C-alpha atoms as a PDB file:
ATOM      1  CA  ASP A   1      -0.348 -28.352  11.646  1.00  0.00           C
ATOM      2  CA  SER A   2       2.536 -30.008  13.479  1.00  0.00           C
ATOM      3  CA  LEU A   3       5.001 -28.611  10.952  1.00  0.00           C
ATOM      4  CA  VAL A   4       3.557 -25.139  11.387  1.00  0.00           C
ATOM      5  CA  GLN A   5       3.854 -25.358  15.180  1.00  0.00           C
ATOM      6  CA  LEU A   6       7.460 -26.481  14.910  1.00  0.00           C
ATOM      7  CA  ALA A   7       8.258 -23.749  12.410  1.00  0.00           C
ATOM      8  CA  PHE A   8       7.172 -21.156  14.946  1.00  0.00           C
ATOM      9  CA  GLY A   9       8.732 -22.991  17.876  1.00  0.00           C
ATOM     10  CA  ASP A  10      12.032 -22.500  19.647  1.00  0.00           C
ATOM     11  CA  VAL A  11      14.113 -24.981  17.660  1.00  0.00           C
ATOM     12  CA  SER A  12      17.591 -25.016  16.174  1.00  0.00           C
ATOM     13  CA  PRO A  13      18.385 -23.029  12.990  1.00  0.00           C
ATOM     14  CA  GLN A  14      19.109 -26.316  11.213  1.00  0.00           C
ATOM     15  CA  LEU A  15      15.665 -27.649  12.071  1.00  0.00           C
ATOM     16  CA  HIS A  16      14.070 -24.358  11.023  1.00  0.00           C
ATOM     17  CA  SER A  17      15.766 -24.700   7.625  1.00  0.00           C
ATOM     18  CA  SER A  18      14.580 -28.290   7.290  1.00  0.00           C
ATOM     19  CA  LEU A  19      11.044 -27.297   8.211  1.00  0.00           C
ATOM     20  CA  VAL A  20      11.059 -24.470   5.682  1.00  0.00           C
ATOM     21  CA  ASN A  21      12.330 -26.892   3.018  1.00  0.00           C
ATOM     22  CA  THR A  22       9.526 -29.297   3.869  1.00  0.00           C
ATOM     23  CA  LEU A  23       6.873 -26.582   3.794  1.00  0.00           C
ATOM     24  CA  ALA A  24       8.241 -25.304   0.484  1.00  0.00           C
ATOM     25  CA  THR A  25       8.115 -28.795  -1.037  1.00  0.00           C
ATOM     26  CA  LEU A  26       4.677 -29.709   0.283  1.00  0.00           C
ATOM     27  CA  GLY A  27       3.179 -26.309  -0.300  1.00  0.00           C
ATOM     28  CA  GLN A  28       3.858 -25.715  -3.978  1.00  0.00           C
ATOM     29  CA  GLY A  29       0.595 -24.416  -5.352  1.00  0.00           C
ATOM     30  CA  SER A  30      -0.959 -24.119  -1.897  1.00  0.00           C
ATOM     31  CA  SER A  31      -1.755 -20.540  -0.992  1.00  0.00           C
ATOM     32  CA  TYR A  32      -1.926 -21.249   2.760  1.00  0.00           C
ATOM     33  CA  VAL A  33       1.818 -21.979   2.914  1.00  0.00           C
ATOM     34  CA  VAL A  34       2.855 -18.510   1.703  1.00  0.00           C
ATOM     35  CA  PRO A  35       1.820 -16.567   4.836  1.00  0.00           C
ATOM     36  CA  ILE A  36       3.335 -19.295   7.023  1.00  0.00           C
ATOM     37  CA  VAL A  37       6.753 -19.177   5.375  1.00  0.00           C
ATOM     38  CA  SER A  38       6.534 -15.392   5.210  1.00  0.00           C
ATOM     39  CA  ALA A  39       5.887 -15.171   8.955  1.00  0.00           C
ATOM     40  CA  VAL A  40       8.722 -17.609   9.632  1.00  0.00           C
ATOM     41  CA  ALA A  41      11.086 -15.501   7.528  1.00  0.00           C
ATOM     42  CA  LYS A  42      10.246 -12.437   9.631  1.00  0.00           C
ATOM     43  CA  LYS A  43      10.736 -14.335  12.897  1.00  0.00           C
ATOM     44  CA  LEU A  44      14.017 -16.148  12.316  1.00  0.00           C
ATOM     45  CA  GLU A  45      17.188 -14.771  13.876  1.00  0.00           C
ATOM     46  CA  ASP A  46      19.551 -17.190  12.156  1.00  0.00           C
ATOM     47  CA  ARG A  47      20.610 -15.646   8.856  1.00  0.00           C
ATOM     48  CA  ALA A  48      21.057 -18.913   6.950  1.00  0.00           C
ATOM     49  CA  ALA A  49      17.636 -20.204   7.983  1.00  0.00           C
ATOM     50  CA  ARG A  50      16.045 -16.832   7.209  1.00  0.00           C
ATOM     51  CA  ASP A  51      17.706 -16.704   3.788  1.00  0.00           C
ATOM     52  CA  ARG A  52      16.368 -20.175   3.049  1.00  0.00           C
ATOM     53  CA  ALA A  53      12.855 -19.064   3.993  1.00  0.00           C
ATOM     54  CA  ILE A  54      13.161 -16.033   1.701  1.00  0.00           C
ATOM     55  CA  GLU A  55      14.511 -18.244  -1.075  1.00  0.00           C
ATOM     56  CA  ALA A  56      11.541 -20.553  -0.578  1.00  0.00           C
ATOM     57  CA  LEU A  57       9.158 -17.615  -0.884  1.00  0.00           C
ATOM     58  CA  GLY A  58      10.716 -16.834  -4.248  1.00  0.00           C
ATOM     59  CA  THR A  59       9.633 -20.261  -5.514  1.00  0.00           C
ATOM     60  CA  PHE A  60       5.933 -19.615  -4.888  1.00  0.00           C
ATOM     61  CA  PRO A  61       4.320 -17.880  -7.875  1.00  0.00           C
ATOM     62  CA  GLN A  62       1.434 -16.845  -5.620  1.00  0.00           C
ATOM     63  CA  ALA A  63       3.855 -15.039  -3.268  1.00  0.00           C
ATOM     64  CA  ARG A  64       5.118 -12.597  -5.867  1.00  0.00           C
ATOM     65  CA  GLY A  65       3.787  -9.098  -5.318  1.00  0.00           C
ATOM     66  CA  LYS A  66       2.074 -10.019  -2.029  1.00  0.00           C
ATOM     67  CA  LYS A  67       2.448  -7.178   0.482  1.00  0.00           C
ATOM     68  CA  SER A  68       3.111  -9.343   3.544  1.00  0.00           C
ATOM     69  CA  VAL A  69       5.781 -11.302   1.684  1.00  0.00           C
ATOM     70  CA  ILE A  70       7.528  -8.174   0.413  1.00  0.00           C
ATOM     71  CA  GLN A  71       7.458  -6.787   3.941  1.00  0.00           C
ATOM     72  CA  ALA A  72       9.047  -9.950   5.339  1.00  0.00           C
ATOM     73  CA  VAL A  73      11.845  -9.750   2.778  1.00  0.00           C
ATOM     74  CA  SER A  74      12.429  -5.996   3.026  1.00  0.00           C
ATOM     75  CA  GLU A  75      12.747  -6.135   6.803  1.00  0.00           C
ATOM     76  CA  HIS A  76      15.799  -8.355   6.450  1.00  0.00           C
ATOM     77  CA  ILE A  77      17.681  -6.445   3.759  1.00  0.00           C
ATOM     78  CA  CYS A  78      20.979  -5.705   5.451  1.00  0.00           C
ATOM     79  CA  SER A  79      23.672  -6.187   2.795  1.00  0.00           C
ATOM     80  CA  SER A  80      24.233  -5.827  -0.942  1.00  0.00           C
ATOM     81  CA  SER A  81      23.676  -9.549  -1.432  1.00  0.00           C
ATOM     82  CA  SER A  82      20.439  -9.555   0.571  1.00  0.00           C
ATOM     83  CA  ALA A  83      19.197  -6.604  -1.487  1.00  0.00           C
ATOM     84  CA  GLN A  84      18.894  -9.018  -4.398  1.00  0.00           C
ATOM     85  CA  ALA A  85      16.190 -10.878  -2.471  1.00  0.00           C
ATOM     86  CA  ILE A  86      13.632  -8.174  -3.236  1.00  0.00           C
ATOM     87  CA  LEU A  87      13.559  -9.309  -6.874  1.00  0.00           C
ATOM     88  CA  LYS A  88      12.554 -12.807  -5.760  1.00  0.00           C
ATOM     89  CA  VAL A  89       9.208 -11.541  -4.503  1.00  0.00           C
ATOM     90  CA  ALA A  90       8.600  -8.230  -6.289  1.00  0.00           C
ATOM     91  CA  SER A  91       8.739  -7.092  -9.875  1.00  0.00           C
ATOM     92  CA  PRO A  92      10.531  -3.852 -10.818  1.00  0.00           C
ATOM     93  CA  GLY A  93       8.264  -0.918 -10.083  1.00  0.00           C
ATOM     94  CA  ASP A  94       6.205  -2.780  -7.474  1.00  0.00           C
ATOM     95  CA  ALA A  95       4.321  -0.260  -5.304  1.00  0.00           C
ATOM     96  CA  HIS A  96       4.496  -2.403  -2.158  1.00  0.00           C
ATOM     97  CA  ALA A  97       8.263  -2.756  -2.526  1.00  0.00           C
ATOM     98  CA  ILE A  98       8.659   1.005  -2.890  1.00  0.00           C
ATOM     99  CA  GLN A  99       6.615   1.548   0.270  1.00  0.00           C
ATOM    100  CA  MET A 100       8.479  -1.041   2.350  1.00  0.00           C
ATOM    101  CA  LEU A 101      11.934   0.025   1.217  1.00  0.00           C
ATOM    102  CA  THR A 102      11.127   3.668   1.942  1.00  0.00           C
ATOM    103  CA  GLN A 103      10.331   2.746   5.536  1.00  0.00           C
ATOM    104  CA  ARG A 104      13.654   0.912   5.813  1.00  0.00           C
ATOM    105  CA  LEU A 105      15.675   4.009   4.886  1.00  0.00           C
ATOM    106  CA  ALA A 106      15.419   5.125   8.514  1.00  0.00           C
ATOM    107  CA  ASN A 107      17.077   1.940   9.786  1.00  0.00           C
ATOM    108  CA  GLU A 108      19.630   2.427  12.561  1.00  0.00           C
ATOM    109  CA  SER A 109      22.195   0.339  10.705  1.00  0.00           C
ATOM    110  CA  SER A 110      24.314   2.131   8.100  1.00  0.00           C
ATOM    111  CA  LYS A 111      24.893  -1.161   6.292  1.00  0.00           C
ATOM    112  CA  ALA A 112      21.141  -1.825   6.119  1.00  0.00           C
ATOM    113  CA  ARG A 113      20.383   1.683   4.842  1.00  0.00           C
ATOM    114  CA  TRP A 114      22.827   1.356   1.975  1.00  0.00           C
ATOM    115  CA  ALA A 115      21.560  -2.128   1.182  1.00  0.00           C
ATOM    116  CA  VAL A 116      18.122  -0.547   0.823  1.00  0.00           C
ATOM    117  CA  VAL A 117      19.636   2.007  -1.563  1.00  0.00           C
ATOM    118  CA  GLN A 118      20.884  -0.912  -3.672  1.00  0.00           C
ATOM    119  CA  ALA A 119      17.449  -2.559  -3.547  1.00  0.00           C
ATOM    120  CA  PHE A 120      15.847   0.651  -4.808  1.00  0.00           C
ATOM    121  CA  ARG A 121      18.162   0.586  -7.797  1.00  0.00           C
ATOM    122  CA  LEU A 122      17.023  -2.962  -8.567  1.00  0.00           C
ATOM    123  CA  ILE A 123      13.296  -2.217  -8.508  1.00  0.00           C
ATOM    124  CA  SER A 124      13.434   1.233 -10.099  1.00  0.00           C
ATOM    125  CA  THR A 125      12.030   1.777 -13.575  1.00  0.00           C
ATOM    126  CA  PRO A 126      11.533   5.024 -15.528  1.00  0.00           C
ATOM    127  CA  GLU A 127       7.775   4.571 -15.168  1.00  0.00           C
ATOM    128  CA  VAL A 128       7.898   4.752 -11.350  1.00  0.00           C
ATOM    129  CA  LEU A 129      10.701   7.303 -11.000  1.00  0.00           C
ATOM    130  CA  ALA A 130       8.339  10.066  -9.876  1.00  0.00           C
ATOM    131  CA  GLU A 131       6.626   7.691  -7.443  1.00  0.00           C
ATOM    132  CA  ILE A 132       9.936   6.722  -5.829  1.00  0.00           C
ATOM    133  CA  VAL A 133      11.056  10.351  -5.612  1.00  0.00           C
ATOM    134  CA  GLY A 134       7.764  11.264  -3.945  1.00  0.00           C
ATOM    135  CA  SER A 135       8.061   8.370  -1.525  1.00  0.00           C
ATOM    136  CA  VAL A 136      11.684   9.046  -0.574  1.00  0.00           C
ATOM    137  CA  SER A 137      11.496  12.865  -0.477  1.00  0.00           C
ATOM    138  CA  PRO A 138      10.280  13.159   3.151  1.00  0.00           C
ATOM    139  CA  HIS A 139      13.548  11.493   4.220  1.00  0.00           C
ATOM    140  CA  LEU A 140      15.499  14.292   2.529  1.00  0.00           C
ATOM    141  CA  SER A 141      14.488  16.570   5.392  1.00  0.00           C
ATOM    142  CA  SER A 142      14.922  13.990   8.161  1.00  0.00           C
ATOM    143  CA  GLY A 143      16.379  15.213  11.432  1.00  0.00           C
ATOM    144  CA  ARG A 144      19.020  12.499  11.067  1.00  0.00           C
ATOM    145  CA  PRO A 145      21.819  13.392   8.619  1.00  0.00           C
ATOM    146  CA  GLU A 146      22.566   9.739   7.888  1.00  0.00           C
ATOM    147  CA  VAL A 147      18.973   9.226   6.726  1.00  0.00           C
ATOM    148  CA  ARG A 148      19.156  12.328   4.535  1.00  0.00           C
ATOM    149  CA  GLU A 149      22.349  10.943   3.000  1.00  0.00           C
ATOM    150  CA  ALA A 150      20.692   7.596   2.272  1.00  0.00           C
ATOM    151  CA  ALA A 151      17.715   9.319   0.631  1.00  0.00           C
ATOM    152  CA  VAL A 152      20.064  11.288  -1.626  1.00  0.00           C
ATOM    153  CA  GLY A 153      21.804   7.984  -2.372  1.00  0.00           C
ATOM    154  CA  VAL A 154      18.533   6.514  -3.626  1.00  0.00           C
ATOM    155  CA  LEU A 155      17.953   9.461  -5.953  1.00  0.00           C
ATOM    156  CA  ALA A 156      21.517   9.283  -7.243  1.00  0.00           C
ATOM    157  CA  HIS A 157      21.101   5.591  -8.058  1.00  0.00           C
ATOM    158  CA  ILE A 158      17.733   5.719  -9.797  1.00  0.00           C
ATOM    159  CA  ALA A 159      17.913   8.879 -11.904  1.00  0.00           C
ATOM    160  CA  PRO A 160      20.236  10.302 -14.553  1.00  0.00           C
ATOM    161  CA  LYS A 161      22.068  13.501 -13.730  1.00  0.00           C
ATOM    162  CA  GLY A 162      19.964  16.619 -13.883  1.00  0.00           C
ATOM    163  CA  GLU A 163      16.654  14.712 -13.823  1.00  0.00           C
ATOM    164  CA  PRO A 164      14.059  17.507 -13.314  1.00  0.00           C
ATOM    165  CA  VAL A 165      11.819  15.659 -10.843  1.00  0.00           C
ATOM    166  CA  VAL A 166      14.836  14.888  -8.640  1.00  0.00           C
ATOM    167  CA  VAL A 167      16.292  18.390  -8.901  1.00  0.00           C
ATOM    168  CA  HIS A 168      12.925  19.851  -7.902  1.00  0.00           C
ATOM    169  CA  ALA A 169      12.591  17.561  -4.875  1.00  0.00           C
ATOM    170  CA  VAL A 170      16.067  18.444  -3.593  1.00  0.00           C
ATOM    171  CA  SER A 171      15.672  22.153  -4.395  1.00  0.00           C
ATOM    172  CA  CYS A 172      12.816  22.306  -1.900  1.00  0.00           C
ATOM    173  CA  LEU A 173      15.374  21.677   0.855  1.00  0.00           C
ATOM    174  CA  LEU A 174      16.905  25.089   0.207  1.00  0.00           C
ATOM    175  CA  GLU A 175      13.835  26.656   1.816  1.00  0.00           C
ATOM    176  CA  ASN A 176      13.962  24.487   4.934  1.00  0.00           C
ATOM    177  CA  ARG A 177      14.218  26.262   8.286  1.00  0.00           C
ATOM    178  CA  ASP A 178      17.031  23.966   9.420  1.00  0.00           C
ATOM    179  CA  GLU A 179      20.446  25.290   8.382  1.00  0.00           C
ATOM    180  CA  HIS A 180      21.941  21.791   8.294  1.00  0.00           C
ATOM    181  CA  ILE A 181      19.228  20.532   5.963  1.00  0.00           C
ATOM    182  CA  ARG A 182      19.692  23.549   3.666  1.00  0.00           C
ATOM    183  CA  HIS A 183      23.438  22.899   3.622  1.00  0.00           C
ATOM    184  CA  ASP A 184      22.907  19.236   2.785  1.00  0.00           C
ATOM    185  CA  GLY A 185      20.466  20.293   0.077  1.00  0.00           C
ATOM    186  CA  VAL A 186      23.121  22.423  -1.598  1.00  0.00           C
ATOM    187  CA  LYS A 187      25.607  19.536  -1.504  1.00  0.00           C
ATOM    188  CA  ALA A 188      23.012  17.082  -2.792  1.00  0.00           C
ATOM    189  CA  LEU A 189      22.038  19.338  -5.672  1.00  0.00           C
ATOM    190  CA  LYS A 190      25.641  19.714  -6.723  1.00  0.00           C
ATOM    191  CA  SER A 191      26.264  15.968  -6.608  1.00  0.00           C
ATOM    192  CA  LEU A 192      23.025  15.079  -8.427  1.00  0.00           C
ATOM    193  CA  VAL A 193      23.543  17.607 -11.218  1.00  0.00           C
ATOM    194  CA  GLU A 194      27.245  16.972 -11.739  1.00  0.00           C
ATOM    195  CA  LYS A 195      27.443  13.252 -11.064  1.00  0.00           C
ATOM    196  CA  ASN A 196      28.269  10.735 -13.755  1.00  0.00           C
ATOM    197  CA  ASP A 197      25.257   8.746 -14.820  1.00  0.00           C
ATOM    198  CA  HIS A 198      26.203   5.368 -13.383  1.00  0.00           C
ATOM    199  CA  LYS A 199      22.784   3.769 -13.324  1.00  0.00           C
END
């Protein structure tokens, strides 16, 4: 209990990392440690300490696929390297990961949005392509052009050129009332149909 209190306390990043290491060592095989480390990972401001907490989560077999753990990791995806963290706690095609990453597409940070695009590429599988397209599609008609661009980026990364389910989703934008969204839809269609398949 003392370790838990310290982990949530106002202590130095170095001490947070040490506490996470201790919890990770003592808690192997103990399900109660997973939500503690997960909550710590969400709370930490220091990147190194947070990364250590996320790394620790990846060592717990019982953490893999757990919604709260995936949420803690997805909330801190802010770079290409941090995008890799999603695979520590979620398997490709994981429904919770798709849900959490979709929410992160509207992040204010351009760097974070494109890190999420990279994370989508990592968890995408042909079996969940339609699910991802359905999840991301509402962002295609976002009132924010940068969010629309990120959503198109996801589709470009997870599907081969001319993929029917993707073409259909983007084609729906051509009927949108907003002229800017229709214009972006035309550009997106052209890029998705003509792009090189770089997946």
